[in-house]
Amino acid sequence: KRTNTGSSNGTKKIHSLGTKLLSSSDPNRADQFFAWLIDPVKPSDFAKEYFEKKHLLIQRAGKKGQGEGDHAKPGDDQDAKERADAEDEDDRHYYSGFYGSSDIKAILENEDLKITYGQDIDITKFAGGKRKTLNKEGQAEPEHVWRKFENGCSVRVLRPQEYSDNVCGMLSLMDEYWGRVSGANAYLTPANTQGFAPHYDDVDVYILQLEGRKRWRLYPARGPDDVLPLYSSQDLDPKELPEPMLDTVLSPGDLLYAPRGTIHQAVALPGGPASLHLTISSGQRWTFSDYMALLLPRAVDLAAESDAAFRASLPRNFQDYMGVIHVDKTKLAKKRVAFRDLIFGLAKKLITEDYFALDGAADQMARDFIHGRVPPLLPKAVRKRLAEAKRNNDDGRDSSAGQESAGQLTETMHIALVAKGCARLVMEGEAAMLYFSTTNSKVFKGEEEQSLPFADHCAPALEQILDAYPRFVRIGDLEQLEKEEQLVVANVLFQAGLVVAKHG
């Protein structure tokens, strides 16, 4: 975490922690990253006071030493003020190194990337109370993009992680910290313009101001339906909004967290450089309602398998008294109440007789997360081991080398998972399915879901490997497997790039 060292050199070292964590092998790197992201607020305080409750504003740049001149006395240490000014300047670069306007220019100028309107980039403008999207068809032309930008249009980069390893690394650590899929957009807005209408999103957002300055206004919910919504809003009319609950300016190094459903709008300040901010989003369709949507159908299926009451036929001609057209017919009230009581009784059975497959629904959501997340960050040491293994494997194919040089593992060797949370074990019938994310696309579900099937009796050994992270496990000690099976499981995982290996 960042601390006030009183030295600009010291703060630069601490601020660089964010980018250093992208190559860290520390198993707690995700916790460290989120703590750095929202510093000086503690993650425990964030969870208790802010998460899904209210916005959080962290203004770093230009905050140290403000007002000190009003209270200065003759003889005060001038060096102290200079150190504070230096720290203010350094805080403006708190998020530097992750993304910048130069990255946007680079992808537009790289014809091999084929940046496409609507898929990779949007040109937008909000004026006269309406938002306009001014995309052309097909590949984005730099001349068109910058001409529109010079005429007051914003440039929104969709999924910048696809072309930025740093942004992808940030999302990977956010995925690892929260255990749910994260996303990102970048917004480059000319001075004194606004790119989007007021609206709310179906995700939590962390807004990182990178360049320029932008005025943000957040508004309270218009009613209970706007609180933690499942879907984003349409563009809202500014004239119909309540008074803002926050009206502030973000400068480089500042962060603004807004819970899902927070109405917001932003405009780049006049008389200065263009504003660039990166929005990290998290938590789309990751709610109790989504979990229960998986849980309840399965509960009904399980109940129907074991309880004849759920398999009984509906009452004869029940549709003659049930349905919206019968709601106000008093003569049918008795039949309607009886039917309702019957259904409520069955629903109560789902709970009291424990038909809820809680773990099964959790496995389905975990599997969806594994498929949707960006690839996990592999520490430098792990990447080196995997590269060496690939070279050995390639050499083995091209020569008469023995098992070890051909990348085959032996029972005396040790293996470890390549990254925390990169795989999920799910029992499906008589198979132990291992779903993994190491070969995922940087684009949400841009590749087919990846999995390895094993016999169900391999599950304890697979659990042993997953639970041991970051520690190594001796192959000959894999649980409940014969020697040959131990070698098969270890080599399958090794060839899939899910584990690294070393000699004991």
Protein backbone atom coordinates (compact mmCIF):
# COMPACT_ATOMS: atom_id res chain seq x y z
CA LYS A 1 0.00 0.00 0.00
CA ARG A 2 1.00 3.62 -0.51
CA THR A 3 2.28 5.41 2.54
CA ASN A 4 3.29 9.02 3.07
CA THR A 5 7.07 8.71 3.11
CA GLY A 6 7.81 12.40 2.75
CA SER A 7 9.91 11.62 -0.30
CA SER A 8 8.83 11.79 -3.91
CA ASN A 9 11.29 9.01 -4.72
CA GLY A 10 9.70 6.90 -2.03
CA THR A 11 6.19 7.41 -3.32
CA LYS A 12 7.27 6.59 -6.86
CA LYS A 13 8.49 3.23 -5.63
CA ILE A 14 5.21 2.59 -3.85
CA HIS A 15 3.08 3.74 -6.77
CA SER A 16 4.96 1.37 -9.07
CA LEU A 17 3.60 -1.49 -6.97
CA GLY A 18 0.52 -1.57 -9.21
CA THR A 19 2.47 -2.48 -12.35
CA LYS A 20 4.91 -4.71 -10.46
CA LEU A 21 2.03 -6.86 -9.26
CA LEU A 22 1.35 -7.81 -12.87
CA SER A 23 4.46 -10.02 -12.78
CA SER A 24 4.30 -10.99 -9.11
CA SER A 25 4.40 -14.62 -7.99
CA ASP A 26 2.98 -13.74 -4.57
CA PRO A 27 -0.17 -15.84 -3.99
CA ASN A 28 -1.73 -12.78 -2.34
CA ARG A 29 -1.07 -10.50 -5.30
CA ALA A 30 -4.79 -9.94 -6.06
CA ASP A 31 -5.42 -8.77 -2.49
CA GLN A 32 -2.39 -6.49 -2.75
CA PHE A 33 -3.56 -5.11 -6.09
CA PHE A 34 -7.03 -4.18 -4.88
CA ALA A 35 -5.57 -2.63 -1.74
CA TRP A 36 -3.27 -0.54 -3.94
CA LEU A 37 -6.11 0.37 -6.31
CA ILE A 38 -8.30 1.95 -3.60
CA ASP A 39 -5.54 3.13 -1.24
CA PRO A 40 -5.80 4.78 1.30
CA VAL A 41 -9.17 3.09 1.93
CA LYS A 42 -8.77 -0.40 3.37
CA PRO A 43 -10.47 -3.23 1.47
CA SER A 44 -12.25 -4.30 4.68
CA ASP A 45 -13.68 -0.79 5.07
CA PHE A 46 -14.63 -0.73 1.40
CA ALA A 47 -16.56 -3.99 1.77
CA LYS A 48 -18.35 -2.81 4.89
CA GLU A 49 -19.11 0.81 4.03
CA TYR A 50 -19.11 1.23 0.25
CA PHE A 51 -19.57 -1.95 -1.77
CA GLU A 52 -23.07 -1.89 -3.31
CA LYS A 53 -24.01 0.82 -0.79
CA LYS A 54 -22.58 4.16 -1.86
CA HIS A 55 -19.97 5.78 -4.05
CA LEU A 56 -16.34 6.22 -3.05
CA LEU A 57 -14.26 9.19 -4.19
CA ILE A 58 -10.46 9.07 -3.80
CA GLN A 59 -8.74 12.29 -4.83
CA ARG A 60 -4.99 11.99 -4.65
CA ALA A 61 -3.61 14.67 -6.95
CA GLY A 62 -3.12 18.13 -5.49
CA LYS A 63 -4.50 17.24 -2.06
CA LYS A 64 -1.37 17.20 0.06
CA GLY A 65 -0.44 20.53 1.53
CA GLN A 66 -3.57 22.32 0.31
CA GLY A 67 -4.25 25.32 2.48
CA GLU A 68 -0.88 25.12 4.23
CA GLY A 69 0.07 28.53 2.94
CA ASP A 70 -2.86 30.05 4.82
CA HIS A 71 -1.38 28.90 8.11
CA ALA A 72 2.31 29.24 7.33
CA LYS A 73 4.45 31.21 9.73
CA PRO A 74 7.73 32.97 9.07
CA GLY A 75 10.53 30.46 9.32
CA ASP A 76 8.44 27.41 8.39
CA ASP A 77 10.41 24.72 6.60
CA GLN A 78 10.17 25.48 2.87
CA ASP A 79 11.52 22.02 2.11
CA ALA A 80 8.40 20.47 3.63
CA LYS A 81 6.19 22.33 1.17
CA GLU A 82 8.45 21.36 -1.73
CA ARG A 83 8.24 17.71 -0.68
CA ALA A 84 4.44 17.95 -0.50
CA ASP A 85 4.33 19.52 -3.97
CA ALA A 86 6.54 16.74 -5.29
CA GLU A 87 4.21 14.13 -3.80
CA ASP A 88 1.22 15.89 -5.36
CA GLU A 89 2.90 15.67 -8.75
CA ASP A 90 3.79 12.03 -8.19
CA ASP A 91 0.22 11.17 -7.17
CA ARG A 92 -0.98 12.43 -10.53
CA HIS A 93 0.89 9.46 -11.99
CA TYR A 94 -0.60 6.94 -9.57
CA TYR A 95 -2.20 4.93 -12.40
CA SER A 96 0.39 5.80 -15.04
CA GLY A 97 1.91 2.92 -16.94
CA PHE A 98 -1.31 0.96 -17.38
CA TYR A 99 -2.93 2.81 -20.28
CA GLY A 100 -2.71 6.12 -22.11
CA SER A 101 -3.92 8.05 -25.14
CA SER A 102 -0.79 6.86 -26.95
CA ASP A 103 -2.17 3.30 -26.70
CA ILE A 104 -5.31 4.40 -28.54
CA LYS A 105 -3.25 6.03 -31.29
CA ALA A 106 -1.09 2.92 -31.58
CA ILE A 107 -3.95 0.48 -32.16
CA LEU A 108 -5.58 2.77 -34.71
CA GLU A 109 -2.34 3.10 -36.66
CA ASN A 110 -1.70 -0.65 -36.61
CA GLU A 111 -3.52 -1.87 -39.72
CA ASP A 112 -2.91 -5.50 -38.80
CA LEU A 113 -5.27 -5.16 -35.81
CA LYS A 114 -8.21 -4.13 -38.01
CA ILE A 115 -9.89 -2.04 -35.32
CA THR A 116 -13.61 -2.10 -36.15
CA TYR A 117 -16.36 0.39 -35.40
CA GLY A 118 -18.91 -0.90 -32.92
CA GLN A 119 -16.75 -3.85 -31.95
CA ASP A 120 -13.51 -2.20 -30.85
CA ILE A 121 -14.25 1.50 -30.92
CA ASP A 122 -17.17 3.95 -30.81
CA ILE A 123 -17.36 7.61 -31.80
CA THR A 124 -19.99 9.36 -29.68
CA LYS A 125 -21.27 12.82 -28.80
CA PHE A 126 -23.85 14.12 -26.35
CA ALA A 127 -25.31 17.49 -27.24
CA GLY A 128 -28.75 19.08 -27.12
CA GLY A 129 -29.94 16.45 -24.68
CA LYS A 130 -29.27 13.53 -27.04
CA ARG A 131 -26.43 11.09 -27.57
CA LYS A 132 -25.30 10.29 -31.08
CA THR A 133 -23.09 7.42 -32.21
CA LEU A 134 -21.15 8.51 -35.29
CA ASN A 135 -19.51 5.25 -36.31
CA LYS A 136 -18.90 4.33 -39.91
CA GLU A 137 -19.07 0.79 -41.25
CA GLY A 138 -16.15 -1.61 -41.05
CA GLN A 139 -12.56 -0.86 -40.07
CA ALA A 140 -11.86 2.36 -38.19
CA GLU A 141 -9.80 4.86 -40.16
CA PRO A 142 -7.46 6.99 -38.00
CA GLU A 143 -8.19 10.10 -40.09
CA HIS A 144 -11.94 9.75 -39.53
CA VAL A 145 -11.55 9.04 -35.81
CA TRP A 146 -9.30 12.04 -35.11
CA ARG A 147 -11.31 14.36 -37.33
CA LYS A 148 -14.42 13.52 -35.31
CA PHE A 149 -12.42 13.88 -32.11
CA GLU A 150 -11.25 17.36 -33.13
CA ASN A 151 -14.90 18.23 -33.78
CA GLY A 152 -15.87 17.36 -30.20
CA CYS A 153 -16.62 13.64 -30.33
CA SER A 154 -15.51 11.16 -27.69
CA VAL A 155 -13.60 8.01 -28.54
CA ARG A 156 -14.64 4.95 -26.56
CA VAL A 157 -12.31 1.96 -26.75
CA LEU A 158 -14.22 -1.24 -26.06
CA ARG A 159 -12.38 -4.08 -24.31
CA PRO A 160 -8.95 -2.36 -24.37
CA GLN A 161 -7.55 -5.46 -22.67
CA GLU A 162 -7.54 -7.20 -26.05
CA TYR A 163 -4.62 -5.02 -27.16
CA SER A 164 -3.13 -4.02 -23.80
CA ASP A 165 -1.37 -6.58 -21.62
CA ASN A 166 -1.39 -4.13 -18.73
CA VAL A 167 -5.16 -3.64 -18.80
CA CYS A 168 -5.63 -7.38 -19.24
CA GLY A 169 -3.39 -7.89 -16.21
CA MET A 170 -5.50 -5.50 -14.15
CA LEU A 171 -8.65 -7.40 -15.08
CA SER A 172 -7.01 -10.71 -14.29
CA LEU A 173 -6.17 -9.52 -10.78
CA MET A 174 -9.68 -8.10 -10.35
CA ASP A 175 -11.11 -11.46 -11.50
CA GLU A 176 -8.87 -13.21 -9.01
CA TYR A 177 -9.82 -10.86 -6.16
CA TRP A 178 -13.59 -10.85 -6.68
CA GLY A 179 -14.12 -14.28 -8.23
CA ARG A 180 -16.34 -12.79 -10.92
CA VAL A 181 -15.78 -11.50 -14.43
CA SER A 182 -14.36 -8.00 -14.87
CA GLY A 183 -14.33 -5.81 -17.97
CA ALA A 184 -12.96 -2.48 -19.16
CA ASN A 185 -13.61 0.46 -21.45
CA ALA A 186 -11.46 3.54 -22.08
CA TYR A 187 -12.92 6.99 -22.81
CA LEU A 188 -11.02 9.80 -24.53
CA THR A 189 -13.06 13.03 -24.43
CA PRO A 190 -12.10 16.43 -25.90
CA ALA A 191 -12.07 19.39 -23.53
CA ASN A 192 -15.45 20.98 -22.80
CA THR A 193 -17.44 18.08 -24.32
CA GLN A 194 -19.57 15.15 -23.18
CA GLY A 195 -19.74 11.83 -24.93
CA PHE A 196 -22.65 10.06 -23.26
CA ALA A 197 -26.08 10.80 -21.86
CA PRO A 198 -26.85 10.30 -18.17
CA HIS A 199 -27.49 6.62 -17.48
CA TYR A 200 -26.84 3.82 -15.03
CA ASP A 201 -25.02 0.54 -15.59
CA ASP A 202 -25.63 -3.08 -14.62
CA VAL A 203 -22.10 -3.34 -13.20
CA ASP A 204 -20.01 -1.82 -10.45
CA VAL A 205 -17.54 0.65 -11.94
CA TYR A 206 -14.11 1.81 -10.85
CA ILE A 207 -13.23 4.98 -12.76
CA LEU A 208 -9.49 5.68 -13.01
CA GLN A 209 -8.64 9.16 -14.26
CA LEU A 210 -5.49 8.91 -16.40
CA GLU A 211 -5.18 12.18 -18.34
CA GLY A 212 -6.87 15.58 -18.24
CA ARG A 213 -9.75 16.44 -15.91
CA LYS A 214 -13.40 15.52 -15.94
CA ARG A 215 -16.42 16.69 -14.00
CA TRP A 216 -18.57 13.86 -12.68
CA ARG A 217 -22.09 14.07 -11.34
CA LEU A 218 -23.73 11.14 -9.56
CA TYR A 219 -27.44 11.03 -8.77
CA PRO A 220 -29.52 9.11 -6.23
CA ALA A 221 -31.81 6.33 -7.40
CA ARG A 222 -35.14 7.53 -8.74
CA GLY A 223 -36.91 4.68 -6.99
CA PRO A 224 -36.40 1.15 -5.59
CA ASP A 225 -36.29 -0.38 -9.09
CA ASP A 226 -33.07 1.53 -9.81
CA VAL A 227 -31.23 0.03 -6.82
CA LEU A 228 -28.78 -2.69 -7.91
CA PRO A 229 -30.52 -3.24 -11.28
CA LEU A 230 -29.99 -6.36 -13.35
CA TYR A 231 -29.87 -4.39 -16.60
CA SER A 232 -28.43 -1.04 -17.69
CA SER A 233 -30.76 1.89 -18.28
CA GLN A 234 -31.54 3.62 -21.53
CA ASP A 235 -30.25 7.16 -21.99
CA LEU A 236 -31.91 9.41 -19.40
CA ASP A 237 -33.20 12.96 -19.83
CA PRO A 238 -31.01 15.37 -17.81
CA LYS A 239 -34.05 17.51 -17.10
CA GLU A 240 -35.74 14.65 -15.24
CA LEU A 241 -32.84 13.88 -12.90
CA PRO A 242 -32.87 14.72 -9.19
CA GLU A 243 -30.24 16.93 -7.62
CA PRO A 244 -26.79 15.28 -7.77
CA MET A 245 -25.48 13.63 -4.63
CA LEU A 246 -21.92 14.16 -5.88
CA ASP A 247 -20.55 16.89 -8.13
CA THR A 248 -16.77 16.65 -8.37
CA VAL A 249 -13.79 16.87 -10.69
CA LEU A 250 -11.42 13.96 -11.24
CA SER A 251 -7.78 14.68 -11.97
CA PRO A 252 -5.09 12.19 -13.00
CA GLY A 253 -4.48 9.74 -10.16
CA ASP A 254 -8.03 9.99 -8.80
CA LEU A 255 -10.53 7.15 -8.51
CA LEU A 256 -14.32 7.07 -8.32
CA TYR A 257 -16.26 3.93 -7.42
CA ALA A 258 -19.96 3.84 -8.29
CA PRO A 259 -22.16 0.88 -7.34
CA ARG A 260 -24.32 -0.83 -9.92
CA GLY A 261 -27.31 1.34 -10.75
CA THR A 262 -25.72 4.71 -9.93
CA ILE A 263 -26.94 7.36 -12.40
CA HIS A 264 -23.99 9.35 -13.70
CA GLN A 265 -22.80 11.74 -16.37
CA ALA A 266 -19.42 13.32 -17.03
CA VAL A 267 -18.01 16.21 -19.05
CA ALA A 268 -14.36 17.04 -19.78
CA LEU A 269 -13.35 20.40 -18.33
CA PRO A 270 -12.75 23.34 -20.69
CA GLY A 271 -9.42 25.02 -21.23
CA GLY A 272 -7.22 21.98 -20.75
CA PRO A 273 -6.10 18.74 -22.36
CA ALA A 274 -8.49 15.97 -23.35
CA SER A 275 -9.71 13.69 -20.61
CA LEU A 276 -8.86 10.00 -20.60
CA HIS A 277 -10.26 7.62 -18.04
CA LEU A 278 -10.32 3.85 -17.77
CA THR A 279 -13.45 2.20 -16.40
CA ILE A 280 -13.06 -1.21 -14.80
CA SER A 281 -16.38 -2.98 -14.43
CA SER A 282 -17.31 -5.96 -12.31
CA GLY A 283 -20.29 -8.05 -11.26
CA GLN A 284 -22.53 -8.28 -14.31
CA ARG A 285 -25.29 -10.83 -13.70
CA TRP A 286 -23.60 -12.18 -10.58
CA THR A 287 -26.47 -11.87 -8.13
CA PHE A 288 -28.59 -14.03 -5.86
CA SER A 289 -31.30 -13.94 -8.51
CA ASP A 290 -28.87 -15.42 -11.06
CA TYR A 291 -27.82 -18.10 -8.60
CA MET A 292 -31.43 -18.98 -7.74
CA ALA A 293 -32.36 -19.09 -11.41
CA LEU A 294 -30.01 -22.07 -11.59
CA LEU A 295 -30.95 -23.46 -8.20
CA LEU A 296 -34.76 -23.58 -8.41
CA PRO A 297 -35.25 -25.54 -11.67
CA ARG A 298 -32.85 -28.21 -10.43
CA ALA A 299 -34.64 -28.32 -7.06
CA VAL A 300 -37.95 -28.99 -8.83
CA ASP A 301 -36.33 -31.75 -10.89
CA LEU A 302 -34.89 -33.40 -7.78
CA ALA A 303 -38.21 -33.16 -5.97
CA ALA A 304 -40.05 -34.69 -8.90
CA GLU A 305 -37.62 -37.61 -8.92
CA SER A 306 -38.36 -38.58 -5.32
CA ASP A 307 -41.79 -37.22 -4.36
CA ALA A 308 -44.98 -38.27 -6.14
CA ALA A 309 -46.71 -35.06 -5.04
CA PHE A 310 -44.64 -33.14 -7.59
CA ARG A 311 -45.54 -35.66 -10.30
CA ALA A 312 -49.26 -35.55 -9.66
CA SER A 313 -51.49 -34.10 -12.37
CA LEU A 314 -52.79 -30.56 -12.14
CA PRO A 315 -56.50 -30.27 -11.16
CA ARG A 316 -58.99 -30.88 -13.95
CA ASN A 317 -59.59 -27.70 -15.95
CA PHE A 318 -57.54 -25.64 -13.48
CA GLN A 319 -57.08 -23.02 -16.19
CA ASP A 320 -60.78 -22.22 -15.87
CA TYR A 321 -60.09 -20.44 -12.59
CA MET A 322 -56.38 -19.66 -12.77
CA GLY A 323 -54.91 -17.00 -15.05
CA VAL A 324 -54.92 -13.22 -15.28
CA ILE A 325 -58.42 -13.11 -16.73
CA HIS A 326 -59.79 -14.76 -13.56
CA VAL A 327 -58.08 -12.53 -10.99
CA ASP A 328 -61.13 -10.39 -10.14
CA LYS A 329 -63.81 -13.08 -10.35
CA THR A 330 -65.04 -13.45 -6.77
CA LYS A 331 -67.03 -16.58 -7.54
CA LEU A 332 -63.75 -18.38 -8.28
CA ALA A 333 -61.96 -17.15 -5.16
CA LYS A 334 -62.33 -20.40 -3.21
CA LYS A 335 -60.82 -22.52 -5.98
CA ARG A 336 -58.05 -20.00 -6.50
CA VAL A 337 -57.09 -19.99 -2.82
CA ALA A 338 -57.07 -23.78 -2.72
CA PHE A 339 -54.79 -23.95 -5.75
CA ARG A 340 -52.47 -21.30 -4.31
CA ASP A 341 -52.22 -23.21 -1.02
CA LEU A 342 -51.37 -26.36 -2.92
CA ILE A 343 -48.57 -24.67 -4.83
CA PHE A 344 -47.22 -22.94 -1.71
CA GLY A 345 -47.19 -26.29 0.05
CA LEU A 346 -45.06 -27.81 -2.69
CA ALA A 347 -42.76 -24.79 -2.63
CA LYS A 348 -42.35 -25.23 1.13
CA LYS A 349 -41.37 -28.85 0.55
CA LEU A 350 -38.52 -27.70 -1.68
CA ILE A 351 -37.01 -25.98 1.34
CA THR A 352 -37.92 -28.26 4.25
CA GLU A 353 -36.94 -31.47 2.49
CA ASP A 354 -33.65 -30.03 1.21
CA TYR A 355 -34.04 -30.36 -2.53
CA PHE A 356 -31.75 -27.40 -3.14
CA ALA A 357 -28.51 -28.48 -4.83
CA LEU A 358 -26.60 -25.49 -3.48
CA ASP A 359 -23.19 -26.80 -4.52
CA GLY A 360 -24.39 -27.79 -7.97
CA ALA A 361 -25.64 -24.27 -8.70
CA ALA A 362 -22.38 -22.83 -7.34
CA ASP A 363 -20.43 -25.12 -9.66
CA GLN A 364 -22.43 -23.88 -12.64
CA MET A 365 -21.70 -20.25 -11.79
CA ALA A 366 -18.03 -21.03 -11.13
CA ARG A 367 -17.81 -22.80 -14.47
CA ASP A 368 -19.31 -19.74 -16.19
CA PHE A 369 -16.77 -17.51 -14.44
CA ILE A 370 -13.87 -19.72 -15.53
CA HIS A 371 -15.08 -19.48 -19.13
CA GLY A 372 -15.74 -15.73 -19.09
CA ARG A 373 -12.71 -14.36 -17.29
CA VAL A 374 -9.53 -13.15 -18.96
CA PRO A 375 -6.54 -15.51 -18.82
CA PRO A 376 -4.89 -15.60 -15.39
CA LEU A 377 -1.59 -13.82 -14.96
CA LEU A 378 1.27 -16.29 -14.95
CA PRO A 379 4.24 -15.27 -12.79
CA LYS A 380 7.55 -14.88 -14.59
CA ALA A 381 8.99 -18.00 -12.96
CA VAL A 382 5.99 -20.04 -14.12
CA ARG A 383 6.23 -18.71 -17.67
CA LYS A 384 9.90 -19.64 -17.70
CA ARG A 385 9.18 -23.20 -16.55
CA LEU A 386 6.43 -23.61 -19.14
CA ALA A 387 8.70 -22.30 -21.90
CA GLU A 388 11.44 -24.72 -20.89
CA ALA A 389 8.95 -27.58 -20.83
CA LYS A 390 7.74 -26.67 -24.32
CA ARG A 391 11.30 -26.57 -25.64
CA ASN A 392 12.04 -29.95 -24.08
CA ASN A 393 8.83 -31.36 -25.51
CA ASP A 394 9.67 -30.05 -28.99
CA ASP A 395 13.21 -31.41 -28.73
CA GLY A 396 11.80 -34.76 -27.70
CA ARG A 397 9.62 -34.96 -30.78
CA ASP A 398 12.61 -34.23 -33.02
CA SER A 399 15.04 -36.67 -31.46
CA SER A 400 15.38 -40.02 -29.77
CA ALA A 401 15.67 -38.35 -26.38
CA GLY A 402 14.37 -40.12 -23.29
CA GLN A 403 11.16 -39.55 -21.36
CA GLU A 404 12.43 -36.67 -19.23
CA SER A 405 13.72 -34.58 -22.15
CA ALA A 406 10.52 -35.28 -24.04
CA GLY A 407 8.54 -33.53 -21.35
CA GLN A 408 7.26 -36.70 -19.65
CA LEU A 409 7.01 -36.54 -15.86
CA THR A 410 8.08 -39.20 -13.40
CA GLU A 411 6.66 -40.20 -10.01
CA THR A 412 9.53 -38.56 -8.10
CA MET A 413 8.86 -35.14 -9.63
CA HIS A 414 6.65 -32.45 -8.09
CA ILE A 415 3.89 -30.42 -9.76
CA ALA A 416 2.04 -27.20 -8.89
CA LEU A 417 -0.86 -25.32 -10.41
CA VAL A 418 0.30 -22.45 -12.66
CA ALA A 419 -2.01 -19.79 -11.16
CA LYS A 420 -4.47 -19.36 -8.33
CA GLY A 421 -8.04 -20.18 -9.31
CA CYS A 422 -7.19 -21.02 -12.92
CA ALA A 423 -9.18 -24.28 -12.85
CA ARG A 424 -12.43 -25.60 -11.36
CA LEU A 425 -13.26 -29.22 -10.66
CA VAL A 426 -16.91 -30.13 -11.31
CA MET A 427 -18.43 -33.58 -10.87
CA GLU A 428 -20.70 -34.45 -13.79
CA GLY A 429 -22.17 -37.94 -13.59
CA GLU A 430 -19.30 -40.41 -13.54
CA ALA A 431 -16.77 -37.86 -14.79
CA ALA A 432 -14.55 -35.41 -12.95
CA MET A 433 -14.45 -32.42 -15.30
CA LEU A 434 -11.64 -29.90 -14.89
CA TYR A 435 -12.57 -26.55 -16.45
CA PHE A 436 -9.69 -24.12 -16.94
CA SER A 437 -9.03 -20.55 -18.04
CA THR A 438 -5.35 -20.52 -18.98
CA THR A 439 -6.09 -20.53 -22.73
CA ASN A 440 -9.01 -18.09 -22.54
CA SER A 441 -9.40 -15.22 -24.95
CA LYS A 442 -8.91 -11.65 -23.73
CA VAL A 443 -12.40 -11.06 -25.09
CA PHE A 444 -15.36 -12.26 -23.02
CA LYS A 445 -16.00 -15.89 -24.00
CA GLY A 446 -14.10 -15.35 -27.22
CA GLU A 447 -12.98 -18.99 -27.21
CA GLU A 448 -14.81 -22.26 -26.64
CA GLU A 449 -15.02 -23.46 -23.06
CA GLN A 450 -11.94 -25.53 -22.20
CA SER A 451 -12.03 -28.67 -20.03
CA LEU A 452 -10.31 -31.96 -19.34
CA PRO A 453 -12.34 -35.09 -18.51
CA PHE A 454 -11.11 -37.55 -15.89
CA ALA A 455 -12.63 -40.63 -14.30
CA ASP A 456 -14.52 -39.76 -11.12
CA HIS A 457 -12.04 -41.60 -8.88
CA CYS A 458 -9.37 -39.08 -9.99
CA ALA A 459 -11.25 -36.28 -8.20
CA PRO A 460 -9.36 -36.55 -4.85
CA ALA A 461 -5.99 -36.23 -6.62
CA LEU A 462 -7.19 -33.27 -8.66
CA GLU A 463 -8.54 -31.61 -5.52
CA GLN A 464 -5.18 -32.22 -3.86
CA ILE A 465 -3.39 -30.33 -6.63
CA LEU A 466 -5.88 -27.46 -6.64
CA ASP A 467 -5.90 -27.07 -2.86
CA ALA A 468 -2.10 -27.19 -2.61
CA TYR A 469 -1.51 -23.99 -4.61
CA PRO A 470 1.07 -22.45 -4.52
CA ARG A 471 2.82 -25.48 -3.03
CA PHE A 472 4.11 -28.39 -5.09
CA VAL A 473 2.79 -31.95 -4.76
CA ARG A 474 4.88 -35.06 -5.35
CA ILE A 475 3.37 -37.03 -8.22
CA GLY A 476 3.91 -40.30 -6.39
CA ASP A 477 1.83 -38.93 -3.50
CA LEU A 478 -1.33 -38.16 -5.50
CA GLU A 479 -4.21 -39.60 -3.52
CA GLN A 480 -6.23 -42.73 -4.31
CA LEU A 481 -4.50 -43.44 -7.61
CA GLU A 482 -2.36 -46.31 -8.82
CA LYS A 483 1.17 -45.44 -9.95
CA GLU A 484 0.24 -45.52 -13.63
CA GLU A 485 -2.80 -43.32 -12.99
CA GLN A 486 -0.71 -40.82 -11.05
CA LEU A 487 1.58 -40.44 -14.05
CA VAL A 488 -1.32 -40.15 -16.49
CA VAL A 489 -3.07 -37.42 -14.47
CA ALA A 490 0.15 -35.46 -13.93
CA ASN A 491 1.21 -35.67 -17.57
CA VAL A 492 -2.23 -34.69 -18.90
CA LEU A 493 -2.20 -31.59 -16.68
CA PHE A 494 1.40 -30.84 -17.65
CA GLN A 495 0.77 -31.14 -21.38
CA ALA A 496 -2.27 -28.85 -21.01
CA GLY A 497 -0.08 -26.20 -19.36
CA LEU A 498 -2.03 -26.30 -16.10
CA VAL A 499 0.89 -27.31 -13.91
CA VAL A 500 4.60 -26.70 -13.77
CA ALA A 501 7.00 -29.42 -12.71
CA LYS A 502 10.29 -29.67 -10.88
CA HIS A 503 12.55 -32.39 -9.58
CA GLY A 504 12.14 -33.21 -5.91
